[in-house]
């Protein structure tokens, strides 16, 4: 397999099944054509979590909704427009 290509859940499940049958990590890795460490990590994760499916959506949780984000952007644009008009007024007053 390619270095950057993650295992799909089906292949991961097949690997776990073969390991549960009593096959060695080395033989499973050779059969699937991947590194032993990949098989070993998948097996260890299965033993701790009880599932071979990877959790989707890791990372930081959102603190604002998409609607909140749109509102914040709208307010920022309004503020910039107001600032630009104030600067233009002061510039025209200063220059006459």
PDB file of N, CA and C in Angstrom:
ATOM      1  N   UNK A   1       0.839  -1.189   0.000  1.00  0.00           N
ATOM      2  CA  UNK A   1       0.000   0.000   0.000  1.00  0.00           C
ATOM      3  C   UNK A   1       0.878   1.245   0.000  1.00  0.00           C
ATOM      4  N   UNK A   2       0.289   2.328  -0.451  1.00  0.00           N
ATOM      5  CA  UNK A   2       1.002   3.594  -0.486  1.00  0.00           C
ATOM      6  C   UNK A   2       1.239   4.095   0.928  1.00  0.00           C
ATOM      7  N   UNK A   3       2.292   4.853   1.107  1.00  0.00           N
ATOM      8  CA  UNK A   3       2.650   5.352   2.433  1.00  0.00           C
ATOM      9  C   UNK A   3       1.578   6.225   3.047  1.00  0.00           C
ATOM     10  N   UNK A   4       0.964   7.072   2.214  1.00  0.00           N
ATOM     11  CA  UNK A   4      -0.006   8.049   2.715  1.00  0.00           C
ATOM     12  C   UNK A   4      -1.452   7.569   2.585  1.00  0.00           C
ATOM     13  N   UNK A   5      -1.657   6.342   2.164  1.00  0.00           N
ATOM     14  CA  UNK A   5      -3.003   5.838   1.949  1.00  0.00           C
ATOM     15  C   UNK A   5      -3.508   5.137   3.211  1.00  0.00           C
ATOM     16  N   UNK A   6      -4.469   5.728   3.927  1.00  0.00           N
ATOM     17  CA  UNK A   6      -4.954   5.067   5.140  1.00  0.00           C
ATOM     18  C   UNK A   6      -5.774   3.829   4.803  1.00  0.00           C
ATOM     19  N   UNK A   7      -5.801   2.911   5.734  1.00  0.00           N
ATOM     20  CA  UNK A   7      -6.576   1.687   5.535  1.00  0.00           C
ATOM     21  C   UNK A   7      -8.062   1.984   5.631  1.00  0.00           C
ATOM     22  N   UNK A   8      -8.833   1.376   4.744  1.00  0.00           N
ATOM     23  CA  UNK A   8     -10.280   1.519   4.875  1.00  0.00           C
ATOM     24  C   UNK A   8     -10.766   0.560   5.959  1.00  0.00           C
ATOM     25  N   UNK A   9     -11.967   0.808   6.438  1.00  0.00           N
ATOM     26  CA  UNK A   9     -12.498   0.030   7.567  1.00  0.00           C
ATOM     27  C   UNK A   9     -12.665  -1.446   7.211  1.00  0.00           C
ATOM     28  N   UNK A  10     -12.981  -1.733   5.954  1.00  0.00           N
ATOM     29  CA  UNK A  10     -13.169  -3.131   5.550  1.00  0.00           C
ATOM     30  C   UNK A  10     -11.852  -3.903   5.656  1.00  0.00           C
ATOM     31  N   UNK A  11     -10.777  -3.314   5.133  1.00  0.00           N
ATOM     32  CA  UNK A  11      -9.465  -3.966   5.196  1.00  0.00           C
ATOM     33  C   UNK A  11      -9.007  -4.110   6.641  1.00  0.00           C
ATOM     34  N   UNK A  12      -9.237  -3.080   7.423  1.00  0.00           N
ATOM     35  CA  UNK A  12      -8.877  -3.136   8.841  1.00  0.00           C
ATOM     36  C   UNK A  12      -9.633  -4.276   9.538  1.00  0.00           C
ATOM     37  N   UNK A  13     -10.892  -4.421   9.225  1.00  0.00           N
ATOM     38  CA  UNK A  13     -11.688  -5.510   9.804  1.00  0.00           C
ATOM     39  C   UNK A  13     -11.185  -6.881   9.384  1.00  0.00           C
ATOM     40  N   UNK A  14     -10.790  -7.008   8.123  1.00  0.00           N
ATOM     41  CA  UNK A  14     -10.238  -8.280   7.650  1.00  0.00           C
ATOM     42  C   UNK A  14      -8.949  -8.616   8.385  1.00  0.00           C
ATOM     43  N   UNK A  15      -8.110  -7.603   8.598  1.00  0.00           N
ATOM     44  CA  UNK A  15      -6.862  -7.829   9.335  1.00  0.00           C
ATOM     45  C   UNK A  15      -7.146  -8.310  10.752  1.00  0.00           C
ATOM     46  N   UNK A  16      -8.078  -7.630  11.408  1.00  0.00           N
ATOM     47  CA  UNK A  16      -8.423  -7.996  12.789  1.00  0.00           C
ATOM     48  C   UNK A  16      -8.963  -9.417  12.836  1.00  0.00           C
ATOM     49  N   UNK A  17      -9.786  -9.763  11.858  1.00  0.00           N
ATOM     50  CA  UNK A  17     -10.344 -11.120  11.805  1.00  0.00           C
ATOM     51  C   UNK A  17      -9.262 -12.178  11.697  1.00  0.00           C
ATOM     52  N   UNK A  18      -8.282 -11.922  10.858  1.00  0.00           N
ATOM     53  CA  UNK A  18      -7.192 -12.898  10.703  1.00  0.00           C
ATOM     54  C   UNK A  18      -6.355 -12.996  11.985  1.00  0.00           C
ATOM     55  N   UNK A  19      -6.168 -11.862  12.662  1.00  0.00           N
ATOM     56  CA  UNK A  19      -5.424 -11.898  13.920  1.00  0.00           C
ATOM     57  C   UNK A  19      -6.210 -12.645  15.001  1.00  0.00           C
ATOM     58  N   UNK A  20      -7.538 -12.487  14.977  1.00  0.00           N
ATOM     59  CA  UNK A  20      -8.369 -13.213  15.945  1.00  0.00           C
ATOM     60  C   UNK A  20      -8.335 -14.711  15.687  1.00  0.00           C
ATOM     61  N   UNK A  21      -8.116 -15.109  14.423  1.00  0.00           N
ATOM     62  CA  UNK A  21      -8.004 -16.532  14.096  1.00  0.00           C
ATOM     63  C   UNK A  21      -6.723 -17.147  14.652  1.00  0.00           C
ATOM     64  N   UNK A  22      -5.771 -16.279  15.041  1.00  0.00           N
ATOM     65  CA  UNK A  22      -4.532 -16.789  15.596  1.00  0.00           C
ATOM     66  C   UNK A  22      -3.331 -16.588  14.690  1.00  0.00           C
ATOM     67  N   UNK A  23      -3.538 -15.906  13.569  1.00  0.00           N
ATOM     68  CA  UNK A  23      -2.417 -15.629  12.675  1.00  0.00           C
ATOM     69  C   UNK A  23      -1.470 -14.628  13.328  1.00  0.00           C
ATOM     70  N   UNK A  24      -0.228 -14.628  12.898  1.00  0.00           N
ATOM     71  CA  UNK A  24       0.749 -13.704  13.457  1.00  0.00           C
ATOM     72  C   UNK A  24       0.660 -12.351  12.739  1.00  0.00           C
ATOM     73  N   UNK A  25       1.143 -11.328  13.426  1.00  0.00           N
ATOM     74  CA  UNK A  25       1.156  -9.983  12.850  1.00  0.00           C
ATOM     75  C   UNK A  25       1.995  -9.970  11.577  1.00  0.00           C
ATOM     76  N   UNK A  26       3.109 -10.696  11.596  1.00  0.00           N
ATOM     77  CA  UNK A  26       4.003 -10.733  10.441  1.00  0.00           C
ATOM     78  C   UNK A  26       3.328 -11.348   9.225  1.00  0.00           C
ATOM     79  N   UNK A  27       2.599 -12.448   9.418  1.00  0.00           N
ATOM     80  CA  UNK A  27       1.946 -13.108   8.282  1.00  0.00           C
ATOM     81  C   UNK A  27       0.797 -12.259   7.731  1.00  0.00           C
ATOM     82  N   UNK A  28       0.069 -11.583   8.614  1.00  0.00           N
ATOM     83  CA  UNK A  28      -1.027 -10.715   8.167  1.00  0.00           C
ATOM     84  C   UNK A  28      -0.457  -9.526   7.392  1.00  0.00           C
ATOM     85  N   UNK A  29       0.625  -8.949   7.890  1.00  0.00           N
ATOM     86  CA  UNK A  29       1.251  -7.818   7.209  1.00  0.00           C
ATOM     87  C   UNK A  29       1.746  -8.228   5.833  1.00  0.00           C
ATOM     88  N   UNK A  30       2.332  -9.410   5.730  1.00  0.00           N
ATOM     89  CA  UNK A  30       2.827  -9.896   4.442  1.00  0.00           C
ATOM     90  C   UNK A  30       1.666 -10.136   3.472  1.00  0.00           C
ATOM     91  N   UNK A  31       0.569 -10.662   3.970  1.00  0.00           N
ATOM     92  CA  UNK A  31      -0.579 -10.949   3.104  1.00  0.00           C
ATOM     93  C   UNK A  31      -1.187  -9.672   2.525  1.00  0.00           C
ATOM     94  N   UNK A  32      -1.260  -8.632   3.342  1.00  0.00           N
ATOM     95  CA  UNK A  32      -1.861  -7.379   2.881  1.00  0.00           C
ATOM     96  C   UNK A  32      -0.835  -6.433   2.250  1.00  0.00           C
ATOM     97  N   UNK A  33       0.433  -6.776   2.355  1.00  0.00           N
ATOM     98  CA  UNK A  33       1.470  -5.953   1.749  1.00  0.00           C
ATOM     99  C   UNK A  33       1.687  -4.626   2.453  1.00  0.00           C
ATOM    100  N   UNK A  34       1.560  -4.641   3.765  1.00  0.00           N
ATOM    101  CA  UNK A  34       1.767  -3.422   4.543  1.00  0.00           C
ATOM    102  C   UNK A  34       2.777  -3.691   5.652  1.00  0.00           C
ATOM    103  N   UNK A  35       3.199  -2.654   6.300  1.00  0.00           N
ATOM    104  CA  UNK A  35       4.206  -2.756   7.355  1.00  0.00           C
ATOM    105  C   UNK A  35       3.610  -3.428   8.594  1.00  0.00           C
ATOM    106  N   UNK A  36       4.466  -4.140   9.323  1.00  0.00           N
ATOM    107  CA  UNK A  36       4.018  -4.816  10.543  1.00  0.00           C
ATOM    108  C   UNK A  36       3.499  -3.835  11.572  1.00  0.00           C
ATOM    109  N   UNK A  37       4.095  -2.636  11.627  1.00  0.00           N
ATOM    110  CA  UNK A  37       3.688  -1.665  12.639  1.00  0.00           C
ATOM    111  C   UNK A  37       2.241  -1.213  12.420  1.00  0.00           C
ATOM    112  N   UNK A  38       1.812  -1.150  11.160  1.00  0.00           N
ATOM    113  CA  UNK A  38       0.432  -0.750  10.856  1.00  0.00           C
ATOM    114  C   UNK A  38      -0.535  -1.800  11.407  1.00  0.00           C
ATOM    115  N   UNK A  39      -0.206  -3.058  11.164  1.00  0.00           N
ATOM    116  CA  UNK A  39      -1.058  -4.149  11.653  1.00  0.00           C
ATOM    117  C   UNK A  39      -1.051  -4.180  13.173  1.00  0.00           C
ATOM    118  N   UNK A  40       0.127  -4.005  13.747  1.00  0.00           N
ATOM    119  CA  UNK A  40       0.245  -4.044  15.199  1.00  0.00           C
ATOM    120  C   UNK A  40      -0.561  -2.924  15.853  1.00  0.00           C
ATOM    121  N   UNK A  41      -0.472  -1.708  15.284  1.00  0.00           N
ATOM    122  CA  UNK A  41      -1.227  -0.587  15.860  1.00  0.00           C
ATOM    123  C   UNK A  41      -2.727  -0.797  15.718  1.00  0.00           C
ATOM    124  N   UNK A  42      -3.157  -1.344  14.588  1.00  0.00           N
ATOM    125  CA  UNK A  42      -4.585  -1.613  14.395  1.00  0.00           C
ATOM    126  C   UNK A  42      -5.072  -2.670  15.388  1.00  0.00           C
ATOM    127  N   UNK A  43      -4.262  -3.690  15.614  1.00  0.00           N
ATOM    128  CA  UNK A  43      -4.613  -4.749  16.556  1.00  0.00           C
ATOM    129  C   UNK A  43      -4.683  -4.212  17.984  1.00  0.00           C
ATOM    130  N   UNK A  44      -3.709  -3.376  18.353  1.00  0.00           N
ATOM    131  CA  UNK A  44      -3.692  -2.790  19.687  1.00  0.00           C
ATOM    132  C   UNK A  44      -4.903  -1.876  19.898  1.00  0.00           C
ATOM    133  N   UNK A  45      -5.236  -1.097  18.869  1.00  0.00           N
ATOM    134  CA  UNK A  45      -6.407  -0.215  18.962  1.00  0.00           C
ATOM    135  C   UNK A  45      -7.689  -1.024  19.102  1.00  0.00           C
ATOM    136  N   UNK A  46      -7.761  -2.152  18.384  1.00  0.00           N
ATOM    137  CA  UNK A  46      -8.935  -3.018  18.491  1.00  0.00           C
ATOM    138  C   UNK A  46      -9.060  -3.607  19.890  1.00  0.00           C
ATOM    139  N   UNK A  47      -7.937  -3.998  20.457  1.00  0.00           N
ATOM    140  CA  UNK A  47      -7.978  -4.605  21.786  1.00  0.00           C
ATOM    141  C   UNK A  47      -8.392  -3.597  22.859  1.00  0.00           C
ATOM    142  N   UNK A  48      -8.034  -2.344  22.694  1.00  0.00           N
ATOM    143  CA  UNK A  48      -8.389  -1.350  23.709  1.00  0.00           C
ATOM    144  C   UNK A  48      -9.795  -0.800  23.511  1.00  0.00           C
ATOM    145  N   UNK A  49     -10.215  -0.595  22.250  1.00  0.00           N
ATOM    146  CA  UNK A  49     -11.525   0.018  22.003  1.00  0.00           C
ATOM    147  C   UNK A  49     -12.622  -0.999  21.753  1.00  0.00           C
ATOM    148  N   UNK A  50     -12.246  -2.183  21.262  1.00  0.00           N
ATOM    149  CA  UNK A  50     -13.254  -3.198  20.961  1.00  0.00           C
ATOM    150  C   UNK A  50     -13.876  -3.043  19.585  1.00  0.00           C
ATOM    151  N   UNK A  51     -13.384  -2.123  18.790  1.00  0.00           N
ATOM    152  CA  UNK A  51     -13.900  -1.945  17.439  1.00  0.00           C
ATOM    153  C   UNK A  51     -12.745  -1.673  16.495  1.00  0.00           C
ATOM    154  N   UNK A  52     -12.899  -2.083  15.246  1.00  0.00           N
ATOM    155  CA  UNK A  52     -11.844  -1.848  14.270  1.00  0.00           C
ATOM    156  C   UNK A  52     -12.112  -0.595  13.448  1.00  0.00           C
ATOM    157  N   UNK A  53     -13.268   0.024  13.653  1.00  0.00           N
ATOM    158  CA  UNK A  53     -13.624   1.220  12.899  1.00  0.00           C
ATOM    159  C   UNK A  53     -12.948   2.426  13.525  1.00  0.00           C
ATOM    160  N   UNK A  54     -12.349   3.238  12.665  1.00  0.00           N
ATOM    161  CA  UNK A  54     -11.679   4.442  13.161  1.00  0.00           C
ATOM    162  C   UNK A  54     -12.699   5.509  13.474  1.00  0.00           C
ATOM    163  N   UNK A  55     -12.409   6.293  14.498  1.00  0.00           N
ATOM    164  CA  UNK A  55     -13.286   7.399  14.865  1.00  0.00           C
ATOM    165  C   UNK A  55     -13.087   8.541  13.877  1.00  0.00           C
ATOM    166  N   UNK A  56     -14.186   9.065  13.387  1.00  0.00           N
ATOM    167  CA  UNK A  56     -14.129  10.145  12.408  1.00  0.00           C
ATOM    168  C   UNK A  56     -14.357  11.468  13.118  1.00  0.00           C
ATOM    169  N   UNK A  57     -13.662  12.491  12.693  1.00  0.00           N
ATOM    170  CA  UNK A  57     -13.945  13.837  13.173  1.00  0.00           C
ATOM    171  C   UNK A  57     -13.208  14.224  14.423  1.00  0.00           C
ATOM    172  N   UNK A  58     -11.969  13.884  14.503  1.00  0.00           N
ATOM    173  CA  UNK A  58     -11.192  14.343  15.639  1.00  0.00           C
ATOM    174  C   UNK A  58     -10.880  15.819  15.500  1.00  0.00           C
ATOM    175  N   UNK A  59     -10.298  16.379  16.481  1.00  0.00           N
ATOM    176  CA  UNK A  59      -9.924  17.782  16.412  1.00  0.00           C
ATOM    177  C   UNK A  59     -10.709  18.631  17.387  1.00  0.00           C
ATOM    178  N   UNK A  60     -10.465  19.890  17.306  1.00  0.00           N
ATOM    179  CA  UNK A  60     -11.077  20.824  18.237  1.00  0.00           C
ATOM    180  C   UNK A  60     -12.560  20.996  17.937  1.00  0.00           C
ATOM    181  N   UNK A  61     -13.381  21.070  18.991  1.00  0.00           N
ATOM    182  CA  UNK A  61     -14.805  21.270  18.820  1.00  0.00           C
ATOM    183  C   UNK A  61     -15.097  22.719  18.455  1.00  0.00           C
ATOM    184  N   UNK A  62     -16.127  22.923  17.661  1.00  0.00           N
ATOM    185  CA  UNK A  62     -16.506  24.270  17.261  1.00  0.00           C
ATOM    186  C   UNK A  62     -17.163  24.999  18.420  1.00  0.00           C
ATOM    187  N   UNK A  63     -16.810  26.274  18.574  1.00  0.00           N
ATOM    188  CA  UNK A  63     -17.424  27.083  19.616  1.00  0.00           C
ATOM    189  C   UNK A  63     -18.525  27.968  19.040  1.00  0.00           C
ATOM    190  N   UNK A  64     -18.491  28.192  17.733  1.00  0.00           N
ATOM    191  CA  UNK A  64     -19.525  28.993  17.073  1.00  0.00           C
ATOM    192  C   UNK A  64     -20.147  28.154  15.969  1.00  0.00           C
ATOM    193  N   UNK A  65     -21.407  28.451  15.686  1.00  0.00           N
ATOM    194  CA  UNK A  65     -22.080  27.763  14.586  1.00  0.00           C
ATOM    195  C   UNK A  65     -21.731  28.456  13.277  1.00  0.00           C
ATOM    196  N   UNK A  66     -22.132  27.857  12.179  1.00  0.00           N
ATOM    197  CA  UNK A  66     -21.887  28.475  10.874  1.00  0.00           C
ATOM    198  C   UNK A  66     -22.635  29.801  10.779  1.00  0.00           C
ATOM    199  N   UNK A  67     -23.827  29.865  11.360  1.00  0.00           N
ATOM    200  CA  UNK A  67     -24.591  31.114  11.361  1.00  0.00           C
ATOM    201  C   UNK A  67     -23.897  32.203  12.167  1.00  0.00           C
ATOM    202  N   UNK A  68     -23.332  31.815  13.305  1.00  0.00           N
ATOM    203  CA  UNK A  68     -22.568  32.774  14.112  1.00  0.00           C
ATOM    204  C   UNK A  68     -21.380  33.320  13.321  1.00  0.00           C
ATOM    205  N   UNK A  69     -20.705  32.429  12.590  1.00  0.00           N
ATOM    206  CA  UNK A  69     -19.561  32.858  11.792  1.00  0.00           C
ATOM    207  C   UNK A  69     -19.979  33.876  10.735  1.00  0.00           C
ATOM    208  N   UNK A  70     -21.103  33.619  10.063  1.00  0.00           N
ATOM    209  CA  UNK A  70     -21.592  34.563   9.050  1.00  0.00           C
ATOM    210  C   UNK A  70     -21.916  35.910   9.676  1.00  0.00           C
ATOM    211  N   UNK A  71     -22.528  35.893  10.841  1.00  0.00           N
ATOM    212  CA  UNK A  71     -22.881  37.136  11.524  1.00  0.00           C
ATOM    213  C   UNK A  71     -21.631  37.929  11.918  1.00  0.00           C
ATOM    214  N   UNK A  72     -20.624  37.246  12.428  1.00  0.00           N
ATOM    215  CA  UNK A  72     -19.378  37.903  12.821  1.00  0.00           C
ATOM    216  C   UNK A  72     -18.726  38.557  11.606  1.00  0.00           C
ATOM    217  N   UNK A  73     -18.708  37.858  10.488  1.00  0.00           N
ATOM    218  CA  UNK A  73     -18.114  38.411   9.269  1.00  0.00           C
ATOM    219  C   UNK A  73     -18.895  39.633   8.806  1.00  0.00           C
ATOM    220  N   UNK A  74     -20.226  39.552   8.865  1.00  0.00           N
ATOM    221  CA  UNK A  74     -21.070  40.679   8.463  1.00  0.00           C
ATOM    222  C   UNK A  74     -20.784  41.901   9.338  1.00  0.00           C
ATOM    223  N   UNK A  75     -20.690  41.687  10.644  1.00  0.00           N
ATOM    224  CA  UNK A  75     -20.412  42.790  11.555  1.00  0.00           C
ATOM    225  C   UNK A  75     -19.038  43.398  11.286  1.00  0.00           C
ATOM    226  N   UNK A  76     -18.059  42.556  10.981  1.00  0.00           N
ATOM    227  CA  UNK A  76     -16.718  43.057  10.694  1.00  0.00           C
ATOM    228  C   UNK A  76     -16.725  43.906   9.426  1.00  0.00           C
ATOM    229  N   UNK A  77     -17.454  43.442   8.405  1.00  0.00           N
ATOM    230  CA  UNK A  77     -17.533  44.220   7.161  1.00  0.00           C
ATOM    231  C   UNK A  77     -18.221  45.556   7.398  1.00  0.00           C
ATOM    232  N   UNK A  78     -19.280  45.564   8.191  1.00  0.00           N
ATOM    233  CA  UNK A  78     -19.966  46.821   8.513  1.00  0.00           C
ATOM    234  C   UNK A  78     -19.029  47.770   9.251  1.00  0.00           C
ATOM    235  N   UNK A  79     -18.287  47.244  10.187  1.00  0.00           N
ATOM    236  CA  UNK A  79     -17.346  48.058  10.948  1.00  0.00           C
ATOM    237  C   UNK A  79     -16.274  48.653  10.058  1.00  0.00           C
ATOM    238  N   UNK A  80     -15.792  47.872   9.087  1.00  0.00           N
ATOM    239  CA  UNK A  80     -14.772  48.383   8.169  1.00  0.00           C
ATOM    240  C   UNK A  80     -15.340  49.488   7.283  1.00  0.00           C
ATOM    241  N   UNK A  81     -16.584  49.306   6.824  1.00  0.00           N
ATOM    242  CA  UNK A  81     -17.210  50.347   6.002  1.00  0.00           C
ATOM    243  C   UNK A  81     -17.363  51.637   6.785  1.00  0.00           C
ATOM    244  N   UNK A  82     -17.792  51.526   8.043  1.00  0.00           N
ATOM    245  CA  UNK A  82     -17.947  52.716   8.871  1.00  0.00           C
ATOM    246  C   UNK A  82     -16.602  53.389   9.118  1.00  0.00           C
ATOM    247  N   UNK A  83     -15.583  52.605   9.372  1.00  0.00           N
ATOM    248  CA  UNK A  83     -14.254  53.143   9.601  1.00  0.00           C
ATOM    249  C   UNK A  83     -13.739  53.853   8.351  1.00  0.00           C
ATOM    250  N   UNK A  84     -13.975  53.262   7.186  1.00  0.00           N
ATOM    251  CA  UNK A  84     -13.522  53.877   5.940  1.00  0.00           C
ATOM    252  C   UNK A  84     -14.218  55.210   5.710  1.00  0.00           C
ATOM    253  N   UNK A  85     -15.516  55.288   6.013  1.00  0.00           N
ATOM    254  CA  UNK A  85     -16.229  56.551   5.807  1.00  0.00           C
ATOM    255  C   UNK A  85     -15.752  57.620   6.795  1.00  0.00           C
ATOM    256  N   UNK A  86     -15.459  57.237   8.028  1.00  0.00           N
ATOM    257  CA  UNK A  86     -14.954  58.193   9.016  1.00  0.00           C
ATOM    258  C   UNK A  86     -13.590  58.720   8.577  1.00  0.00           C
ATOM    259  N   UNK A  87     -12.736  57.828   8.100  1.00  0.00           N
ATOM    260  CA  UNK A  87     -11.414  58.255   7.643  1.00  0.00           C
ATOM    261  C   UNK A  87     -11.544  59.195   6.446  1.00  0.00           C
ATOM    262  N   UNK A  88     -12.446  58.878   5.521  1.00  0.00           N
ATOM    263  CA  UNK A  88     -12.635  59.728   4.347  1.00  0.00           C
ATOM    264  C   UNK A  88     -13.135  61.109   4.763  1.00  0.00           C
ATOM    265  N   UNK A  89     -14.064  61.172   5.715  1.00  0.00           N
ATOM    266  CA  UNK A  89     -14.587  62.457   6.195  1.00  0.00           C
ATOM    267  C   UNK A  89     -13.481  63.289   6.844  1.00  0.00           C
ATOM    268  N   UNK A  90     -12.682  62.659   7.684  1.00  0.00           N
ATOM    269  CA  UNK A  90     -11.605  63.389   8.379  1.00  0.00           C
ATOM    270  C   UNK A  90     -10.534  63.835   7.395  1.00  0.00           C
ATOM    271  N   UNK A  91     -10.266  63.015   6.403  1.00  0.00           N
ATOM    272  CA  UNK A  91      -9.271  63.397   5.412  1.00  0.00           C
ATOM    273  C   UNK A  91      -9.741  64.594   4.593  1.00  0.00           C
ATOM    274  N   UNK A  92     -11.021  64.566   4.204  1.00  0.00           N
ATOM    275  CA  UNK A  92     -11.536  65.686   3.412  1.00  0.00           C
ATOM    276  C   UNK A  92     -11.621  66.960   4.267  1.00  0.00           C
ATOM    277  N   UNK A  93     -11.943  66.811   5.563  1.00  0.00           N
ATOM    278  CA  UNK A  93     -11.969  67.967   6.450  1.00  0.00           C
ATOM    279  C   UNK A  93     -10.569  68.535   6.655  1.00  0.00           C
ATOM    280  N   UNK A  94      -9.591  67.687   6.793  1.00  0.00           N
ATOM    281  CA  UNK A  94      -8.225  68.123   7.039  1.00  0.00           C
ATOM    282  C   UNK A  94      -7.611  68.779   5.803  1.00  0.00           C
ATOM    283  N   UNK A  95      -7.934  68.264   4.635  1.00  0.00           N
ATOM    284  CA  UNK A  95      -7.337  68.788   3.420  1.00  0.00           C
ATOM    285  C   UNK A  95      -8.154  69.935   2.835  1.00  0.00           C
ATOM    286  N   UNK A  96      -9.404  70.042   3.235  1.00  0.00           N
ATOM    287  CA  UNK A  96     -10.230  71.159   2.786  1.00  0.00           C
ATOM    288  C   UNK A  96     -10.822  70.846   1.501  1.00  0.00           C
TER     289      UNK A  96
END
